[in-house]
Amino acid sequence: MLSGDELACGLYLVVEAGPAAPERLAAALAVVPVACVLIEPAEEAEVASAARPLVGLAQECGAAALVNRNVHLARALAADGVHLPWSKQLLKEFEEARRVLDKRSIVGVHAGKSRHDAMLLAERGADYIGFGLPAAVRDRMSGAARRLELVAWWGEIFTVPCVAFDADTPGEAQALAAAGADFVACRLSAGIGPPAAADHVAAVYHAACTARRLS
């Protein structure tokens, strides 16, 4: 299970498996402590071969390696668990993940904007609850405000860790950490090289940690 520190905010990286992903991830892991790495498999025909080195890199640095949605791939790669994005079948998918994976595996969820689903999944044993700002959200300002509100609500009431997804700028990470997020999740974009990835991750991490210390 991921665990947060009340005096710090953990970093959660999201990386799409692909040809240059190991170099980007290695650069990021070298500059700041990372709690978790979420691996999003790319082309179906090369899922395992693309994701395997990312699992190894994360685990070598002491970070939990999670696979996005694909429970059977997570088990095959000996990853630390799985992340389940929000869907209308999320509760069913959560129960399936718990059935397939061993008891020590992490099963984290993105609860969308439903407070009811978030509470229900926490009661059923989710290792973390996530709130984010998916790319499909058109009204970015309202979506960001709702994410911040959900993170603050969760942090005030519940002990299950909260992951604030899509915190892709230092400003977003700072605000979400100050609101009570235990972890902020930023994406390692495929469009940037390893040095830029390292600089970006360091900026997000330090902004989040500063906010938590001052809050």
C-alpha atoms as a PDB file:
ATOM      1  CA  MET A   1       0.000   0.000   0.000  1.00  0.00           C
ATOM      2  CA  LEU A   2       1.222   3.507  -0.763  1.00  0.00           C
ATOM      3  CA  SER A   3       1.588   5.655   2.330  1.00  0.00           C
ATOM      4  CA  GLY A   4       1.926   9.403   2.514  1.00  0.00           C
ATOM      5  CA  ASP A   5       3.951  11.508   4.936  1.00  0.00           C
ATOM      6  CA  GLU A   6       2.058  14.324   6.618  1.00  0.00           C
ATOM      7  CA  LEU A   7       5.117  16.559   6.217  1.00  0.00           C
ATOM      8  CA  ALA A   8       5.694  15.779   2.552  1.00  0.00           C
ATOM      9  CA  CYS A   9       3.833  15.096  -0.652  1.00  0.00           C
ATOM     10  CA  GLY A  10       4.882  12.067  -2.666  1.00  0.00           C
ATOM     11  CA  LEU A  11       5.531  12.070  -6.394  1.00  0.00           C
ATOM     12  CA  TYR A  12       3.650   9.712  -8.705  1.00  0.00           C
ATOM     13  CA  LEU A  13       4.841   9.537 -12.314  1.00  0.00           C
ATOM     14  CA  VAL A  14       2.789   8.518 -15.341  1.00  0.00           C
ATOM     15  CA  VAL A  15       4.711   7.240 -18.356  1.00  0.00           C
ATOM     16  CA  GLU A  16       3.558   5.722 -21.622  1.00  0.00           C
ATOM     17  CA  ALA A  17       5.583   2.671 -22.600  1.00  0.00           C
ATOM     18  CA  GLY A  18       7.521   3.249 -25.793  1.00  0.00           C
ATOM     19  CA  PRO A  19      10.988   3.378 -27.393  1.00  0.00           C
ATOM     20  CA  ALA A  20      12.363   6.393 -25.465  1.00  0.00           C
ATOM     21  CA  ALA A  21      10.368   5.927 -22.265  1.00  0.00           C
ATOM     22  CA  PRO A  22      13.122   4.131 -20.276  1.00  0.00           C
ATOM     23  CA  GLU A  23      15.535   7.017 -20.817  1.00  0.00           C
ATOM     24  CA  ARG A  24      12.963   9.603 -19.717  1.00  0.00           C
ATOM     25  CA  LEU A  25      11.996   7.583 -16.678  1.00  0.00           C
ATOM     26  CA  ALA A  26      15.597   6.889 -15.648  1.00  0.00           C
ATOM     27  CA  ALA A  27      16.393  10.605 -15.840  1.00  0.00           C
ATOM     28  CA  ALA A  28      13.405  11.471 -13.652  1.00  0.00           C
ATOM     29  CA  LEU A  29      14.150   8.755 -11.098  1.00  0.00           C
ATOM     30  CA  ALA A  30      17.713  10.054 -10.766  1.00  0.00           C
ATOM     31  CA  VAL A  31      16.778  13.543  -9.551  1.00  0.00           C
ATOM     32  CA  VAL A  32      13.971  13.168  -6.997  1.00  0.00           C
ATOM     33  CA  PRO A  33      12.432  10.429  -4.835  1.00  0.00           C
ATOM     34  CA  VAL A  34       9.457   8.844  -6.613  1.00  0.00           C
ATOM     35  CA  ALA A  35       6.787   6.907  -4.756  1.00  0.00           C
ATOM     36  CA  CYS A  36       5.049   5.297  -7.701  1.00  0.00           C
ATOM     37  CA  VAL A  37       5.295   4.889 -11.472  1.00  0.00           C
ATOM     38  CA  LEU A  38       2.176   4.226 -13.504  1.00  0.00           C
ATOM     39  CA  ILE A  39       2.953   2.522 -16.805  1.00  0.00           C
ATOM     40  CA  GLU A  40       0.515   2.976 -19.664  1.00  0.00           C
ATOM     41  CA  PRO A  41       1.086   0.259 -22.290  1.00  0.00           C
ATOM     42  CA  ALA A  42       1.146   1.553 -25.851  1.00  0.00           C
ATOM     43  CA  GLU A  43       0.839  -0.726 -28.884  1.00  0.00           C
ATOM     44  CA  GLU A  44      -1.004  -3.935 -27.997  1.00  0.00           C
ATOM     45  CA  ALA A  45       1.377  -6.140 -29.988  1.00  0.00           C
ATOM     46  CA  GLU A  46       4.347  -4.944 -27.917  1.00  0.00           C
ATOM     47  CA  VAL A  47       2.704  -4.409 -24.553  1.00  0.00           C
ATOM     48  CA  ALA A  48       4.865  -6.670 -22.397  1.00  0.00           C
ATOM     49  CA  SER A  49       8.202  -5.906 -24.049  1.00  0.00           C
ATOM     50  CA  ALA A  50       7.634  -2.141 -23.821  1.00  0.00           C
ATOM     51  CA  ALA A  51       6.407  -2.146 -20.232  1.00  0.00           C
ATOM     52  CA  ARG A  52       8.896  -4.623 -18.719  1.00  0.00           C
ATOM     53  CA  PRO A  53      11.961  -2.314 -18.590  1.00  0.00           C
ATOM     54  CA  LEU A  54       9.862   0.437 -16.992  1.00  0.00           C
ATOM     55  CA  VAL A  55       8.718  -1.933 -14.242  1.00  0.00           C
ATOM     56  CA  GLY A  56      12.342  -2.856 -13.588  1.00  0.00           C
ATOM     57  CA  LEU A  57      13.552   0.752 -13.487  1.00  0.00           C
ATOM     58  CA  ALA A  58      10.864   1.794 -11.038  1.00  0.00           C
ATOM     59  CA  GLN A  59      11.401  -1.135  -8.686  1.00  0.00           C
ATOM     60  CA  GLU A  60      15.186  -0.737  -8.717  1.00  0.00           C
ATOM     61  CA  CYS A  61      14.702   2.794  -7.374  1.00  0.00           C
ATOM     62  CA  GLY A  62      12.265   1.722  -4.692  1.00  0.00           C
ATOM     63  CA  ALA A  63       9.154   3.032  -6.444  1.00  0.00           C
ATOM     64  CA  ALA A  64       5.988   0.995  -6.801  1.00  0.00           C
ATOM     65  CA  ALA A  65       5.420  -0.018 -10.421  1.00  0.00           C
ATOM     66  CA  LEU A  66       1.777  -0.082 -11.479  1.00  0.00           C
ATOM     67  CA  VAL A  67       0.240  -1.040 -14.811  1.00  0.00           C
ATOM     68  CA  ASN A  68      -2.712   0.891 -16.134  1.00  0.00           C
ATOM     69  CA  ARG A  69      -5.925  -1.203 -16.150  1.00  0.00           C
ATOM     70  CA  ASN A  70      -4.385  -4.449 -17.470  1.00  0.00           C
ATOM     71  CA  VAL A  71      -4.519  -6.692 -14.378  1.00  0.00           C
ATOM     72  CA  HIS A  72      -3.165  -9.776 -16.106  1.00  0.00           C
ATOM     73  CA  LEU A  73      -0.222  -7.862 -17.550  1.00  0.00           C
ATOM     74  CA  ALA A  74       0.576  -6.478 -14.102  1.00  0.00           C
ATOM     75  CA  ARG A  75       0.711 -10.009 -12.738  1.00  0.00           C
ATOM     76  CA  ALA A  76       2.768 -11.311 -15.671  1.00  0.00           C
ATOM     77  CA  LEU A  77       5.366  -8.552 -15.275  1.00  0.00           C
ATOM     78  CA  ALA A  78       5.543  -8.935 -11.474  1.00  0.00           C
ATOM     79  CA  ALA A  79       4.513  -5.312 -11.133  1.00  0.00           C
ATOM     80  CA  ASP A  80       3.454  -4.025  -7.727  1.00  0.00           C
ATOM     81  CA  GLY A  81      -0.145  -3.639  -8.768  1.00  0.00           C
ATOM     82  CA  VAL A  82      -2.599  -1.959 -11.066  1.00  0.00           C
ATOM     83  CA  HIS A  83      -4.279   1.409 -11.499  1.00  0.00           C
ATOM     84  CA  LEU A  84      -7.907   1.406 -12.598  1.00  0.00           C
ATOM     85  CA  PRO A  85      -9.093   4.487 -14.518  1.00  0.00           C
ATOM     86  CA  TRP A  86     -12.638   5.642 -13.939  1.00  0.00           C
ATOM     87  CA  SER A  87     -15.300   3.764 -15.894  1.00  0.00           C
ATOM     88  CA  LYS A  88     -18.941   2.838 -15.478  1.00  0.00           C
ATOM     89  CA  GLN A  89     -17.756  -0.658 -14.556  1.00  0.00           C
ATOM     90  CA  LEU A  90     -15.167   0.485 -12.020  1.00  0.00           C
ATOM     91  CA  LEU A  91     -16.586  -1.397  -9.051  1.00  0.00           C
ATOM     92  CA  LYS A  92     -16.703  -4.616 -11.054  1.00  0.00           C
ATOM     93  CA  GLU A  93     -13.171  -4.053 -12.363  1.00  0.00           C
ATOM     94  CA  PHE A  94     -11.934  -3.423  -8.826  1.00  0.00           C
ATOM     95  CA  GLU A  95     -13.357  -6.706  -7.554  1.00  0.00           C
ATOM     96  CA  GLU A  96     -11.789  -8.536 -10.524  1.00  0.00           C
ATOM     97  CA  ALA A  97      -8.397  -6.969  -9.822  1.00  0.00           C
ATOM     98  CA  ARG A  98      -8.552  -8.047  -6.194  1.00  0.00           C
ATOM     99  CA  ARG A  99      -9.436 -11.564  -7.290  1.00  0.00           C
ATOM    100  CA  VAL A 100      -6.587 -11.844  -9.815  1.00  0.00           C
ATOM    101  CA  LEU A 101      -3.783 -10.146  -7.874  1.00  0.00           C
ATOM    102  CA  ASP A 102      -2.320 -11.287  -4.586  1.00  0.00           C
ATOM    103  CA  LYS A 103      -3.193  -9.551  -1.334  1.00  0.00           C
ATOM    104  CA  ARG A 104       0.034  -7.557  -1.252  1.00  0.00           C
ATOM    105  CA  SER A 105      -0.610  -5.952  -4.636  1.00  0.00           C
ATOM    106  CA  ILE A 106      -1.686  -2.344  -4.905  1.00  0.00           C
ATOM    107  CA  VAL A 107      -5.049  -1.658  -6.503  1.00  0.00           C
ATOM    108  CA  GLY A 108      -5.574   2.076  -6.891  1.00  0.00           C
ATOM    109  CA  VAL A 109      -8.484   3.786  -8.583  1.00  0.00           C
ATOM    110  CA  HIS A 110      -9.431   7.019 -10.296  1.00  0.00           C
ATOM    111  CA  ALA A 111     -12.831   7.887  -8.860  1.00  0.00           C
ATOM    112  CA  GLY A 112     -13.807  10.405 -11.534  1.00  0.00           C
ATOM    113  CA  LYS A 113     -16.016  13.080  -9.970  1.00  0.00           C
ATOM    114  CA  SER A 114     -18.213  10.761  -7.898  1.00  0.00           C
ATOM    115  CA  ARG A 115     -17.879  11.164  -4.148  1.00  0.00           C
ATOM    116  CA  HIS A 116     -20.103   8.151  -3.652  1.00  0.00           C
ATOM    117  CA  ASP A 117     -17.881   5.896  -5.790  1.00  0.00           C
ATOM    118  CA  ALA A 118     -14.769   7.199  -4.030  1.00  0.00           C
ATOM    119  CA  MET A 119     -16.155   6.342  -0.600  1.00  0.00           C
ATOM    120  CA  LEU A 120     -17.468   2.962  -1.721  1.00  0.00           C
ATOM    121  CA  LEU A 121     -14.139   1.965  -3.273  1.00  0.00           C
ATOM    122  CA  ALA A 122     -12.245   3.057  -0.174  1.00  0.00           C
ATOM    123  CA  GLU A 123     -14.554   0.925   1.967  1.00  0.00           C
ATOM    124  CA  ARG A 124     -13.885  -2.047  -0.308  1.00  0.00           C
ATOM    125  CA  GLY A 125     -10.136  -1.716   0.151  1.00  0.00           C
ATOM    126  CA  ALA A 126      -8.740   0.514  -2.592  1.00  0.00           C
ATOM    127  CA  ASP A 127      -5.150   1.414  -1.750  1.00  0.00           C
ATOM    128  CA  TYR A 128      -5.590   4.977  -2.958  1.00  0.00           C
ATOM    129  CA  ILE A 129      -8.304   7.175  -4.411  1.00  0.00           C
ATOM    130  CA  GLY A 130      -7.445   9.430  -7.337  1.00  0.00           C
ATOM    131  CA  PHE A 131      -9.027  12.607  -8.653  1.00  0.00           C
ATOM    132  CA  GLY A 132      -7.850  14.213 -11.856  1.00  0.00           C
ATOM    133  CA  LEU A 133      -8.407  16.474 -14.819  1.00  0.00           C
ATOM    134  CA  PRO A 134      -8.514  14.206 -17.893  1.00  0.00           C
ATOM    135  CA  ALA A 135      -7.681  15.622 -21.303  1.00  0.00           C
ATOM    136  CA  ALA A 136     -11.279  15.023 -22.421  1.00  0.00           C
ATOM    137  CA  VAL A 137     -12.595  17.651 -19.982  1.00  0.00           C
ATOM    138  CA  ARG A 138     -13.425  20.701 -22.104  1.00  0.00           C
ATOM    139  CA  ASP A 139     -13.998  23.275 -19.386  1.00  0.00           C
ATOM    140  CA  ARG A 140     -10.518  23.168 -17.895  1.00  0.00           C
ATOM    141  CA  MET A 141     -11.102  25.910 -15.344  1.00  0.00           C
ATOM    142  CA  SER A 142     -14.209  24.300 -13.851  1.00  0.00           C
ATOM    143  CA  GLY A 143     -12.593  20.862 -14.004  1.00  0.00           C
ATOM    144  CA  ALA A 144      -9.500  22.079 -12.146  1.00  0.00           C
ATOM    145  CA  ALA A 145     -11.663  23.714  -9.474  1.00  0.00           C
ATOM    146  CA  ARG A 146     -13.650  20.491  -9.023  1.00  0.00           C
ATOM    147  CA  ARG A 147     -10.457  18.422  -8.727  1.00  0.00           C
ATOM    148  CA  LEU A 148      -9.123  20.787  -6.061  1.00  0.00           C
ATOM    149  CA  GLU A 149     -12.414  20.641  -4.164  1.00  0.00           C
ATOM    150  CA  LEU A 150     -12.491  16.848  -4.238  1.00  0.00           C
ATOM    151  CA  VAL A 151      -8.893  16.562  -3.060  1.00  0.00           C
ATOM    152  CA  ALA A 152      -9.544  18.953  -0.170  1.00  0.00           C
ATOM    153  CA  TRP A 153     -12.757  17.137   0.800  1.00  0.00           C
ATOM    154  CA  TRP A 154     -11.032  13.770   0.792  1.00  0.00           C
ATOM    155  CA  GLY A 155      -8.025  14.964   2.759  1.00  0.00           C
ATOM    156  CA  GLU A 156     -10.180  16.417   5.527  1.00  0.00           C
ATOM    157  CA  ILE A 157     -12.231  13.280   6.147  1.00  0.00           C
ATOM    158  CA  PHE A 158     -10.502  10.089   4.985  1.00  0.00           C
ATOM    159  CA  THR A 159      -7.276   8.258   5.791  1.00  0.00           C
ATOM    160  CA  VAL A 160      -6.969   6.314   2.511  1.00  0.00           C
ATOM    161  CA  PRO A 161      -4.267   8.127   0.494  1.00  0.00           C
ATOM    162  CA  CYS A 162      -5.343  10.579  -2.189  1.00  0.00           C
ATOM    163  CA  VAL A 163      -3.550  10.934  -5.532  1.00  0.00           C
ATOM    164  CA  ALA A 164      -4.095  14.171  -7.451  1.00  0.00           C
ATOM    165  CA  PHE A 165      -3.719  13.274 -11.118  1.00  0.00           C
ATOM    166  CA  ASP A 166      -2.772  15.532 -14.033  1.00  0.00           C
ATOM    167  CA  ALA A 167      -0.703  17.865 -11.854  1.00  0.00           C
ATOM    168  CA  ASP A 168       1.466  18.698 -14.831  1.00  0.00           C
ATOM    169  CA  THR A 169       2.747  22.128 -13.745  1.00  0.00           C
ATOM    170  CA  PRO A 170       4.481  23.212 -10.540  1.00  0.00           C
ATOM    171  CA  GLY A 171       1.589  25.578  -9.840  1.00  0.00           C
ATOM    172  CA  GLU A 172      -0.978  22.785 -10.029  1.00  0.00           C
ATOM    173  CA  ALA A 173       1.163  20.522  -7.863  1.00  0.00           C
ATOM    174  CA  GLN A 174       1.594  23.233  -5.259  1.00  0.00           C
ATOM    175  CA  ALA A 175      -2.140  23.958  -5.033  1.00  0.00           C
ATOM    176  CA  LEU A 176      -3.122  20.294  -4.860  1.00  0.00           C
ATOM    177  CA  ALA A 177      -0.511  19.454  -2.236  1.00  0.00           C
ATOM    178  CA  ALA A 178      -1.628  22.420  -0.139  1.00  0.00           C
ATOM    179  CA  ALA A 179      -5.212  21.164  -0.423  1.00  0.00           C
ATOM    180  CA  GLY A 180      -4.208  17.842   1.104  1.00  0.00           C
ATOM    181  CA  ALA A 181      -3.136  15.480  -1.693  1.00  0.00           C
ATOM    182  CA  ASP A 182      -0.840  12.749  -0.408  1.00  0.00           C
ATOM    183  CA  PHE A 183       0.645  12.320  -3.870  1.00  0.00           C
ATOM    184  CA  VAL A 184       0.707  14.442  -7.000  1.00  0.00           C
ATOM    185  CA  ALA A 185       0.857  12.667 -10.344  1.00  0.00           C
ATOM    186  CA  CYS A 186       2.545  14.225 -13.342  1.00  0.00           C
ATOM    187  CA  ARG A 187       3.056  12.821 -16.800  1.00  0.00           C
ATOM    188  CA  LEU A 188       6.418  12.244 -18.468  1.00  0.00           C
ATOM    189  CA  SER A 189       5.484  13.532 -21.892  1.00  0.00           C
ATOM    190  CA  ALA A 190       6.725  11.588 -24.905  1.00  0.00           C
ATOM    191  CA  GLY A 191       7.588  14.887 -26.568  1.00  0.00           C
ATOM    192  CA  ILE A 192      10.478  15.829 -24.276  1.00  0.00           C
ATOM    193  CA  GLY A 193      13.965  14.432 -23.845  1.00  0.00           C
ATOM    194  CA  PRO A 194      15.490  12.999 -20.660  1.00  0.00           C
ATOM    195  CA  PRO A 195      17.101  16.247 -19.393  1.00  0.00           C
ATOM    196  CA  ALA A 196      13.866  18.205 -19.801  1.00  0.00           C
ATOM    197  CA  ALA A 197      11.912  15.375 -18.171  1.00  0.00           C
ATOM    198  CA  ALA A 198      14.221  15.468 -15.153  1.00  0.00           C
ATOM    199  CA  ASP A 199      13.928  19.258 -14.823  1.00  0.00           C
ATOM    200  CA  HIS A 200      10.143  19.123 -15.094  1.00  0.00           C
ATOM    201  CA  VAL A 201       9.750  16.379 -12.513  1.00  0.00           C
ATOM    202  CA  ALA A 202      12.083  18.142 -10.079  1.00  0.00           C
ATOM    203  CA  ALA A 203      10.096  21.380 -10.385  1.00  0.00           C
ATOM    204  CA  VAL A 204       6.781  19.619  -9.770  1.00  0.00           C
ATOM    205  CA  TYR A 205       8.134  17.661  -6.811  1.00  0.00           C
ATOM    206  CA  HIS A 206       9.723  20.616  -5.057  1.00  0.00           C
ATOM    207  CA  ALA A 207       6.619  22.762  -5.542  1.00  0.00           C
ATOM    208  CA  ALA A 208       4.469  20.062  -3.972  1.00  0.00           C
ATOM    209  CA  CYS A 209       6.804  19.505  -1.032  1.00  0.00           C
ATOM    210  CA  THR A 210       7.107  23.233  -0.348  1.00  0.00           C
ATOM    211  CA  ALA A 211       3.338  23.605  -0.315  1.00  0.00           C
ATOM    212  CA  ARG A 212       2.899  20.740   2.144  1.00  0.00           C
ATOM    213  CA  ARG A 213       5.525  22.105   4.537  1.00  0.00           C
ATOM    214  CA  LEU A 214       3.891  25.542   4.534  1.00  0.00           C
ATOM    215  CA  SER A 215       0.304  24.295   4.862  1.00  0.00           C
END
